[in-house]
Amino acid sequence: MAGHSKWANIQHRKGRQDAKRGKIFSKLTKEITVAARMGGGDINFNPRLRSAVTAAKEENMPIDNITRAIKKGTGELEGVNYEEIRYEGYGINGAAIIIDCLTDNKQRAVADVRHALNKNGGNLGTDGSVAFLFKHCGIFFFAPGNDQDKLMEEAIELGADDVINHDDGSIEVITGPSEYLSVKEGFSNSDFKYEFAELTMKPDVEVKFNESDGEKMQRILDVLEDLDDVQNVYSNASIGDE
């Protein structure tokens, strides 16, 4: 993307996430519980749990909360049995949306997702309708001003798949899902400090929005993210300041 739009878009996304801190513990608890149920309670042998616990610690979740969530997943404590469900749909101007849920009531989850989309100008799609437009990967964003050549060398040495130098001077490092945590730890011990990092569904091509349509599209994403059963929302919409 040209100009400063890529970095502005990332800052916009980061700001939206920071504003939703109230729900983060609930989502992290669900993820830890499900990860422990599926792969066991030892983070050394369960990459998904390790990633979830790392994210929880970064958000300063109390250790007791983390331990309790793991025990609920392994059955040592009584807990809710969450089901993983992925929904796919469309927003304004046909922008693609992926909605990942963890729910104890599938009927409620799909009804809420469908209602949120329909009420705000989107619609629910079928399985596989948009997922092919995304790639599961880890991403790290570095602010403009870093030495691009040295950062690229560091990223490749740590095991990154790709490094993208954007026109605005920001740098995006992409990793495979299984390499995400090791690359993250590597950067934490390096001279390069990322501004934003996550495991995500990265769109192959982004759809850019003008201000009016961007506000409508953001409304859809916000409403979806506020649903209790929704863990993550991914879209190929590029909404940010120009």
Protein backbone atom coordinates (compact mmCIF):
# COMPACT_ATOMS: atom_id res chain seq x y z
CA MET A 1 0.00 0.00 0.00
CA ALA A 2 1.24 3.45 -0.84
CA GLY A 3 1.93 6.41 1.38
CA HIS A 4 1.59 6.09 5.13
CA SER A 5 -1.66 4.12 5.03
CA LYS A 6 -0.24 0.75 6.11
CA TRP A 7 1.27 2.01 9.35
CA ALA A 8 -1.78 4.20 10.01
CA ASN A 9 -4.01 1.17 9.51
CA ILE A 10 -2.02 -0.90 12.01
CA GLN A 11 -2.10 1.90 14.57
CA HIS A 12 -5.84 2.17 14.01
CA ARG A 13 -6.29 -1.57 14.63
CA LYS A 14 -4.08 -1.49 17.69
CA GLY A 15 -6.06 1.41 19.11
CA ARG A 16 -9.33 -0.44 18.58
CA GLN A 17 -7.96 -3.47 20.40
CA ASP A 18 -6.68 -1.37 23.31
CA ALA A 19 -10.18 0.06 23.69
CA LYS A 20 -11.60 -3.44 24.14
CA ARG A 21 -9.42 -4.52 27.08
CA GLY A 22 -12.52 -5.25 29.14
CA LYS A 23 -13.18 -8.48 27.24
CA ILE A 24 -9.61 -9.68 26.89
CA PHE A 25 -9.45 -11.80 30.07
CA SER A 26 -12.67 -13.60 29.14
CA LYS A 27 -11.37 -14.44 25.68
CA LEU A 28 -7.97 -15.53 26.97
CA THR A 29 -9.56 -17.76 29.61
CA LYS A 30 -11.66 -19.50 26.95
CA GLU A 31 -8.65 -20.00 24.69
CA ILE A 32 -6.50 -21.40 27.50
CA THR A 33 -9.26 -23.80 28.54
CA VAL A 34 -9.86 -25.09 25.02
CA ALA A 35 -6.14 -25.38 24.26
CA ALA A 36 -5.60 -27.41 27.45
CA ARG A 37 -8.58 -29.65 26.69
CA MET A 38 -7.34 -30.39 23.17
CA GLY A 39 -3.62 -30.76 23.78
CA GLY A 40 -3.07 -31.25 27.50
CA GLY A 41 -1.98 -28.93 30.27
CA ASP A 42 1.79 -28.91 29.70
CA ILE A 43 2.87 -25.84 27.72
CA ASN A 44 6.10 -27.59 26.73
CA PHE A 45 4.14 -30.13 24.68
CA ASN A 46 1.16 -28.00 23.67
CA PRO A 47 2.10 -25.10 21.35
CA ARG A 48 -1.41 -23.69 21.30
CA LEU A 49 -1.56 -23.57 25.10
CA ARG A 50 1.90 -22.05 25.25
CA SER A 51 0.80 -19.31 22.87
CA ALA A 52 -2.37 -18.65 24.88
CA VAL A 53 -0.52 -18.52 28.20
CA THR A 54 2.10 -16.20 26.72
CA ALA A 55 -0.65 -13.87 25.50
CA ALA A 56 -2.32 -13.97 28.93
CA LYS A 57 0.91 -13.08 30.71
CA GLU A 58 1.46 -10.18 28.31
CA GLU A 59 -1.95 -8.87 29.37
CA ASN A 60 -0.98 -9.28 33.03
CA MET A 61 -3.56 -11.95 33.73
CA PRO A 62 -3.03 -13.33 37.27
CA ILE A 63 -1.25 -16.67 37.40
CA ASP A 64 -4.11 -18.12 39.46
CA ASN A 65 -6.54 -17.34 36.65
CA ILE A 66 -4.28 -19.02 34.11
CA THR A 67 -3.82 -22.11 36.28
CA ARG A 68 -7.55 -22.38 36.91
CA ALA A 69 -8.33 -22.12 33.20
CA ILE A 70 -5.82 -24.89 32.43
CA LYS A 71 -7.32 -27.15 35.09
CA LYS A 72 -10.80 -26.60 33.70
CA GLY A 73 -9.50 -27.65 30.30
CA THR A 74 -7.81 -30.80 31.60
CA GLY A 75 -10.83 -31.75 33.70
CA GLU A 76 -9.21 -31.19 37.10
CA LEU A 77 -11.85 -28.51 37.73
CA GLU A 78 -15.41 -28.37 36.47
CA GLY A 79 -15.81 -26.06 33.50
CA VAL A 80 -17.80 -25.24 30.39
CA ASN A 81 -17.25 -27.38 27.29
CA TYR A 82 -16.65 -24.87 24.51
CA GLU A 83 -16.99 -25.75 20.83
CA GLU A 84 -14.84 -24.12 18.16
CA ILE A 85 -16.79 -22.80 15.20
CA ARG A 86 -15.71 -20.66 12.26
CA TYR A 87 -18.17 -18.55 10.31
CA GLU A 88 -17.46 -16.75 7.06
CA GLY A 89 -19.28 -13.77 5.66
CA TYR A 90 -19.25 -10.45 3.87
CA GLY A 91 -19.32 -6.83 4.95
CA ILE A 92 -19.64 -3.54 3.10
CA ASN A 93 -18.68 -3.68 -0.58
CA GLY A 94 -18.27 -7.45 -0.32
CA ALA A 95 -15.29 -7.27 2.05
CA ALA A 96 -14.47 -10.73 3.42
CA ILE A 97 -14.91 -11.54 7.10
CA ILE A 98 -13.90 -14.60 9.16
CA ILE A 99 -15.47 -14.97 12.61
CA ASP A 100 -13.95 -17.51 15.02
CA CYS A 101 -16.12 -18.49 17.97
CA LEU A 102 -15.76 -20.50 21.15
CA THR A 103 -19.24 -21.28 22.39
CA ASP A 104 -21.28 -23.61 24.56
CA ASN A 105 -24.36 -22.94 22.39
CA LYS A 106 -23.88 -23.23 18.63
CA GLN A 107 -27.44 -22.14 17.83
CA ARG A 108 -27.01 -18.95 19.83
CA ALA A 109 -23.64 -18.21 18.27
CA VAL A 110 -24.76 -18.50 14.66
CA ALA A 111 -27.95 -16.55 15.35
CA ASP A 112 -25.99 -13.71 16.95
CA VAL A 113 -23.42 -13.62 14.15
CA ARG A 114 -26.09 -13.66 11.43
CA HIS A 115 -28.07 -10.91 13.17
CA ALA A 116 -24.98 -8.72 13.61
CA LEU A 117 -24.12 -9.04 9.93
CA ASN A 118 -27.63 -8.59 8.55
CA LYS A 119 -28.46 -5.62 10.76
CA ASN A 120 -25.36 -3.72 9.72
CA GLY A 121 -25.25 -4.31 5.96
CA GLY A 122 -23.38 -7.60 5.76
CA ASN A 123 -24.39 -11.21 5.29
CA LEU A 124 -23.35 -14.68 6.37
CA GLY A 125 -21.63 -16.85 3.77
CA THR A 126 -21.10 -20.59 3.43
CA ASP A 127 -18.15 -22.60 4.72
CA GLY A 128 -15.13 -21.89 2.53
CA SER A 129 -16.66 -18.85 0.87
CA VAL A 130 -13.87 -16.46 1.93
CA ALA A 131 -11.30 -18.49 3.89
CA PHE A 132 -9.24 -19.08 0.73
CA LEU A 133 -8.54 -15.32 0.66
CA PHE A 134 -6.55 -15.55 3.92
CA LYS A 135 -3.36 -17.18 5.16
CA HIS A 136 -2.84 -18.38 8.75
CA CYS A 137 0.42 -16.84 9.92
CA GLY A 138 2.20 -14.76 12.51
CA ILE A 139 2.90 -11.09 11.85
CA PHE A 140 5.15 -8.52 13.50
CA PHE A 141 5.03 -4.80 12.70
CA PHE A 142 7.95 -2.48 13.28
CA ALA A 143 7.65 1.29 13.24
CA PRO A 144 9.31 3.42 10.56
CA GLY A 145 12.91 4.26 11.38
CA ASN A 146 14.36 0.79 11.83
CA ASP A 147 17.33 -0.32 9.73
CA GLN A 148 15.54 -2.37 7.08
CA ASP A 149 18.54 -4.44 5.99
CA LYS A 150 19.61 -5.37 9.53
CA LEU A 151 16.05 -6.13 10.58
CA MET A 152 15.61 -8.38 7.56
CA GLU A 153 18.79 -10.28 8.41
CA GLU A 154 17.64 -10.72 12.00
CA ALA A 155 14.16 -11.87 10.96
CA ILE A 156 15.39 -14.45 8.48
CA GLU A 157 17.94 -15.76 10.98
CA LEU A 158 15.15 -16.19 13.55
CA GLY A 159 13.10 -18.23 11.07
CA ALA A 160 10.70 -15.73 9.50
CA ASP A 161 9.14 -16.57 6.14
CA ASP A 162 9.05 -13.08 4.66
CA VAL A 163 9.87 -9.44 5.34
CA ILE A 164 7.91 -6.62 3.69
CA ASN A 165 9.24 -3.07 3.57
CA HIS A 166 6.25 -0.76 3.18
CA ASP A 167 6.39 2.59 1.41
CA ASP A 168 5.77 4.43 4.68
CA GLY A 169 8.94 2.96 6.22
CA SER A 170 7.19 0.43 8.45
CA ILE A 171 8.34 -3.17 8.25
CA GLU A 172 6.18 -6.28 8.39
CA VAL A 173 7.66 -9.65 9.31
CA ILE A 174 5.66 -12.79 8.50
CA THR A 175 6.16 -16.22 10.05
CA GLY A 176 4.53 -19.62 9.86
CA PRO A 177 2.09 -20.38 12.71
CA SER A 178 4.46 -22.89 14.33
CA GLU A 179 7.42 -20.48 14.18
CA TYR A 180 5.54 -17.49 15.62
CA LEU A 181 6.48 -18.00 19.28
CA SER A 182 10.14 -18.75 18.65
CA VAL A 183 10.48 -15.68 16.41
CA LYS A 184 8.66 -13.61 19.04
CA GLU A 185 11.07 -14.75 21.74
CA GLY A 186 13.97 -14.06 19.41
CA PHE A 187 12.89 -10.48 18.79
CA SER A 188 12.38 -9.98 22.52
CA ASN A 189 16.09 -10.71 22.97
CA SER A 190 17.22 -8.58 20.03
CA ASP A 191 17.76 -4.87 19.45
CA PHE A 192 14.59 -4.67 17.37
CA LYS A 193 11.33 -4.01 19.21
CA TYR A 194 8.09 -4.68 17.40
CA GLU A 195 5.08 -2.44 17.95
CA PHE A 196 2.45 -5.03 17.22
CA ALA A 197 2.44 -8.82 16.91
CA GLU A 198 -0.23 -11.50 16.56
CA LEU A 199 -1.18 -14.86 15.15
CA THR A 200 -3.77 -14.02 12.56
CA MET A 201 -5.53 -14.78 9.33
CA LYS A 202 -3.75 -12.43 6.95
CA PRO A 203 -5.63 -11.45 3.77
CA ASP A 204 -3.86 -11.97 0.46
CA VAL A 205 -5.34 -8.72 -0.87
CA GLU A 206 -6.84 -5.89 1.19
CA VAL A 207 -9.95 -3.92 0.28
CA LYS A 208 -9.45 -0.20 0.87
CA PHE A 209 -12.36 1.89 2.16
CA ASN A 210 -13.23 5.55 1.93
CA GLU A 211 -14.25 7.33 5.14
CA SER A 212 -18.01 6.77 4.86
CA ASP A 213 -17.90 3.09 3.92
CA GLY A 214 -15.03 2.57 6.33
CA GLU A 215 -17.19 3.70 9.24
CA LYS A 216 -19.94 1.28 8.20
CA MET A 217 -17.46 -1.57 7.84
CA GLN A 218 -15.87 -0.80 11.20
CA ARG A 219 -19.31 -0.90 12.77
CA ILE A 220 -19.80 -4.47 11.53
CA LEU A 221 -16.43 -5.57 12.89
CA ASP A 222 -17.04 -3.89 16.25
CA VAL A 223 -20.47 -5.45 16.69
CA LEU A 224 -19.10 -8.91 15.85
CA GLU A 225 -16.16 -8.55 18.22
CA ASP A 226 -18.50 -7.54 21.05
CA LEU A 227 -20.47 -10.79 20.84
CA ASP A 228 -19.80 -13.02 23.84
CA ASP A 229 -19.16 -16.13 21.73
CA VAL A 230 -16.73 -14.44 19.34
CA GLN A 231 -12.99 -14.88 19.92
CA ASN A 232 -11.48 -13.31 16.81
CA VAL A 233 -12.66 -11.41 13.76
CA TYR A 234 -10.52 -11.17 10.63
CA SER A 235 -11.23 -9.11 7.55
CA ASN A 236 -9.53 -7.98 4.36
CA ALA A 237 -10.91 -4.46 4.93
CA SER A 238 -8.25 -1.77 5.21
CA ILE A 239 -9.68 0.93 7.46
CA GLY A 240 -7.40 3.67 8.75
CA ASP A 241 -6.42 7.31 8.60
CA GLU A 242 -4.98 8.59 5.40
